[in-house]
Amino acid sequence: MADRLMHRNLQSNPSASYLFVEEGPRYVGKRLYLTKIKEEKDSDLVNQLRRKGSCPVDESYKQGQRFVVYLR
């Protein structure tokens, strides 16, 4: 997770929700209610877990601080 709005929101409120939607002829999905339990700034771990090519082209986004956030 980059140090952007979503990360700052989790700093002030550790609750989050995630909507998982399956593709198909009709709506099928689940809403997950999550709570932040910890975070790490370990850049080696971030680089290991990050998907290649998932970052936007914006160079400031690529150069900024990254976090591994654990949710339950």
N, C-alpha and C. Protein backbone atom coordinates (compact mmCIF):
# COMPACT_ATOMS: atom_id res chain seq x y z
N MET A 1 0.85 -1.16 0.00
CA MET A 1 0.00 0.00 0.00
C MET A 1 0.90 1.23 0.00
N ALA A 2 0.58 2.16 -0.86
CA ALA A 2 1.32 3.42 -0.92
C ALA A 2 0.84 4.36 0.18
N ASP A 3 1.66 5.35 0.51
CA ASP A 3 1.30 6.33 1.53
C ASP A 3 0.40 7.38 0.90
N ARG A 4 -0.83 6.98 0.65
CA ARG A 4 -1.83 7.85 0.04
C ARG A 4 -3.07 7.88 0.92
N LEU A 5 -4.17 8.33 0.38
CA LEU A 5 -5.38 8.54 1.16
C LEU A 5 -5.86 7.28 1.87
N MET A 6 -5.86 6.14 1.20
CA MET A 6 -6.34 4.91 1.83
C MET A 6 -5.49 4.57 3.06
N HIS A 7 -4.18 4.72 2.94
CA HIS A 7 -3.30 4.43 4.07
C HIS A 7 -3.56 5.41 5.21
N ARG A 8 -3.73 6.68 4.90
CA ARG A 8 -4.02 7.68 5.93
C ARG A 8 -5.37 7.43 6.60
N ASN A 9 -6.36 6.97 5.84
CA ASN A 9 -7.66 6.64 6.43
C ASN A 9 -7.52 5.48 7.41
N LEU A 10 -6.71 4.48 7.07
CA LEU A 10 -6.51 3.35 7.98
C LEU A 10 -5.75 3.75 9.24
N GLN A 11 -4.94 4.82 9.17
CA GLN A 11 -4.24 5.30 10.36
C GLN A 11 -5.24 5.86 11.38
N SER A 12 -6.26 6.55 10.91
CA SER A 12 -7.22 7.15 11.83
C SER A 12 -8.40 6.23 12.15
N ASN A 13 -8.70 5.27 11.27
CA ASN A 13 -9.80 4.33 11.49
C ASN A 13 -9.36 2.97 10.96
N PRO A 14 -9.07 1.99 11.83
CA PRO A 14 -8.53 0.71 11.38
C PRO A 14 -9.55 -0.22 10.72
N SER A 15 -10.78 0.22 10.56
CA SER A 15 -11.81 -0.61 9.93
C SER A 15 -11.87 -0.32 8.43
N ALA A 16 -12.06 -1.38 7.66
CA ALA A 16 -12.16 -1.24 6.20
C ALA A 16 -13.14 -2.27 5.68
N SER A 17 -13.65 -2.04 4.49
CA SER A 17 -14.49 -3.04 3.84
C SER A 17 -13.99 -3.22 2.41
N TYR A 18 -14.15 -4.43 1.90
CA TYR A 18 -13.69 -4.78 0.57
C TYR A 18 -14.82 -5.52 -0.12
N LEU A 19 -15.16 -5.09 -1.31
CA LEU A 19 -16.23 -5.73 -2.07
C LEU A 19 -15.60 -6.63 -3.13
N PHE A 20 -15.86 -7.93 -3.03
CA PHE A 20 -15.37 -8.91 -3.99
C PHE A 20 -16.54 -9.28 -4.89
N VAL A 21 -16.42 -9.02 -6.20
CA VAL A 21 -17.50 -9.28 -7.15
C VAL A 21 -17.02 -10.30 -8.17
N GLU A 22 -17.83 -11.35 -8.38
CA GLU A 22 -17.54 -12.35 -9.39
C GLU A 22 -18.21 -11.97 -10.70
N GLU A 23 -17.54 -12.21 -11.80
CA GLU A 23 -18.14 -11.94 -13.11
C GLU A 23 -19.14 -13.04 -13.45
N GLY A 24 -20.19 -12.65 -14.12
CA GLY A 24 -21.20 -13.62 -14.53
C GLY A 24 -22.44 -12.90 -15.00
N PRO A 25 -23.50 -13.66 -15.33
CA PRO A 25 -24.71 -13.06 -15.86
C PRO A 25 -25.49 -12.25 -14.82
N ARG A 26 -25.25 -12.48 -13.54
CA ARG A 26 -25.93 -11.71 -12.51
C ARG A 26 -24.94 -11.37 -11.40
N TYR A 27 -25.34 -10.47 -10.52
CA TYR A 27 -24.47 -10.04 -9.43
C TYR A 27 -24.22 -11.18 -8.45
N VAL A 28 -22.97 -11.51 -8.25
CA VAL A 28 -22.56 -12.47 -7.23
C VAL A 28 -21.32 -11.88 -6.56
N GLY A 29 -21.34 -11.80 -5.27
CA GLY A 29 -20.17 -11.24 -4.60
C GLY A 29 -20.29 -11.31 -3.09
N LYS A 30 -19.24 -10.86 -2.43
CA LYS A 30 -19.19 -10.83 -0.98
C LYS A 30 -18.58 -9.51 -0.54
N ARG A 31 -19.05 -8.99 0.56
CA ARG A 31 -18.45 -7.81 1.17
C ARG A 31 -17.70 -8.30 2.41
N LEU A 32 -16.43 -7.96 2.47
CA LEU A 32 -15.59 -8.36 3.58
C LEU A 32 -15.39 -7.16 4.50
N TYR A 33 -15.62 -7.34 5.77
CA TYR A 33 -15.38 -6.30 6.76
C TYR A 33 -14.07 -6.63 7.47
N LEU A 34 -13.11 -5.74 7.38
CA LEU A 34 -11.75 -6.01 7.82
C LEU A 34 -11.31 -5.02 8.89
N THR A 35 -10.34 -5.45 9.69
CA THR A 35 -9.74 -4.60 10.71
C THR A 35 -8.22 -4.69 10.58
N LYS A 36 -7.58 -3.56 10.55
CA LYS A 36 -6.12 -3.52 10.45
C LYS A 36 -5.53 -4.03 11.76
N ILE A 37 -4.58 -4.99 11.66
CA ILE A 37 -3.95 -5.51 12.87
C ILE A 37 -2.50 -5.08 13.00
N LYS A 38 -1.82 -4.82 11.88
CA LYS A 38 -0.45 -4.30 11.94
C LYS A 38 -0.01 -3.87 10.55
N GLU A 39 1.13 -3.20 10.49
CA GLU A 39 1.72 -2.82 9.21
C GLU A 39 3.23 -2.85 9.33
N GLU A 40 3.90 -3.04 8.20
CA GLU A 40 5.36 -3.07 8.15
C GLU A 40 5.84 -2.16 7.04
N LYS A 41 7.04 -1.60 7.23
CA LYS A 41 7.65 -0.73 6.23
C LYS A 41 8.83 -1.42 5.54
N ASP A 42 8.98 -2.72 5.72
CA ASP A 42 10.10 -3.47 5.17
C ASP A 42 10.07 -3.46 3.64
N SER A 43 10.97 -2.70 3.01
CA SER A 43 10.94 -2.54 1.56
C SER A 43 11.23 -3.84 0.82
N ASP A 44 12.03 -4.73 1.38
CA ASP A 44 12.29 -6.02 0.74
C ASP A 44 11.01 -6.85 0.69
N LEU A 45 10.26 -6.87 1.78
CA LEU A 45 8.99 -7.60 1.81
C LEU A 45 7.99 -6.98 0.85
N VAL A 46 7.92 -5.65 0.81
CA VAL A 46 7.01 -4.96 -0.12
C VAL A 46 7.33 -5.34 -1.55
N ASN A 47 8.60 -5.30 -1.92
CA ASN A 47 9.00 -5.64 -3.29
C ASN A 47 8.73 -7.10 -3.62
N GLN A 48 8.85 -7.97 -2.65
CA GLN A 48 8.59 -9.40 -2.87
C GLN A 48 7.10 -9.65 -3.11
N LEU A 49 6.24 -8.94 -2.40
CA LEU A 49 4.79 -9.18 -2.50
C LEU A 49 4.12 -8.40 -3.62
N ARG A 50 4.70 -7.29 -4.03
CA ARG A 50 4.08 -6.42 -5.03
C ARG A 50 4.00 -7.11 -6.39
N ARG A 51 2.88 -6.93 -7.07
CA ARG A 51 2.71 -7.47 -8.42
C ARG A 51 3.48 -6.60 -9.40
N LYS A 52 4.17 -7.21 -10.31
CA LYS A 52 4.92 -6.47 -11.33
C LYS A 52 3.95 -5.78 -12.27
N GLY A 53 4.23 -4.53 -12.60
CA GLY A 53 3.41 -3.79 -13.55
C GLY A 53 2.10 -3.27 -12.98
N SER A 54 1.89 -3.39 -11.65
CA SER A 54 0.62 -2.95 -11.07
C SER A 54 0.62 -1.47 -10.71
N CYS A 55 1.79 -0.83 -10.74
CA CYS A 55 1.88 0.59 -10.36
C CYS A 55 1.48 1.49 -11.52
N PRO A 56 0.83 2.59 -11.21
CA PRO A 56 0.55 3.58 -12.25
C PRO A 56 1.84 4.19 -12.79
N VAL A 57 1.75 4.92 -13.85
CA VAL A 57 2.91 5.52 -14.49
C VAL A 57 3.51 6.65 -13.66
N ASP A 58 2.74 7.25 -12.80
CA ASP A 58 3.16 8.38 -11.97
C ASP A 58 4.43 8.02 -11.18
N GLU A 59 5.53 8.72 -11.47
CA GLU A 59 6.82 8.43 -10.83
C GLU A 59 6.80 8.70 -9.33
N SER A 60 6.06 9.72 -8.88
CA SER A 60 6.01 10.00 -7.45
C SER A 60 5.37 8.83 -6.69
N TYR A 61 4.43 8.13 -7.32
CA TYR A 61 3.81 6.96 -6.71
C TYR A 61 4.83 5.84 -6.56
N LYS A 62 5.66 5.65 -7.58
CA LYS A 62 6.66 4.58 -7.53
C LYS A 62 7.76 4.86 -6.52
N GLN A 63 8.10 6.14 -6.32
CA GLN A 63 9.21 6.51 -5.45
C GLN A 63 8.81 6.63 -3.98
N GLY A 64 7.54 6.74 -3.66
CA GLY A 64 7.08 6.99 -2.30
C GLY A 64 7.21 5.79 -1.38
N GLN A 65 6.92 6.03 -0.11
CA GLN A 65 6.96 5.00 0.92
C GLN A 65 5.87 3.96 0.67
N ARG A 66 6.20 2.69 0.89
CA ARG A 66 5.23 1.59 0.73
C ARG A 66 5.09 0.84 2.05
N PHE A 67 3.93 0.23 2.24
CA PHE A 67 3.65 -0.50 3.47
C PHE A 67 3.00 -1.85 3.14
N VAL A 68 3.27 -2.83 3.98
CA VAL A 68 2.53 -4.08 3.96
C VAL A 68 1.56 -3.98 5.13
N VAL A 69 0.27 -3.98 4.82
CA VAL A 69 -0.77 -3.82 5.84
C VAL A 69 -1.48 -5.15 6.01
N TYR A 70 -1.56 -5.60 7.26
CA TYR A 70 -2.23 -6.86 7.59
C TYR A 70 -3.62 -6.56 8.12
N LEU A 71 -4.61 -7.24 7.53
CA LEU A 71 -6.01 -7.04 7.92
C LEU A 71 -6.61 -8.38 8.35
N ARG A 72 -7.53 -8.30 9.28
CA ARG A 72 -8.22 -9.52 9.75
C ARG A 72 -9.68 -9.38 9.42
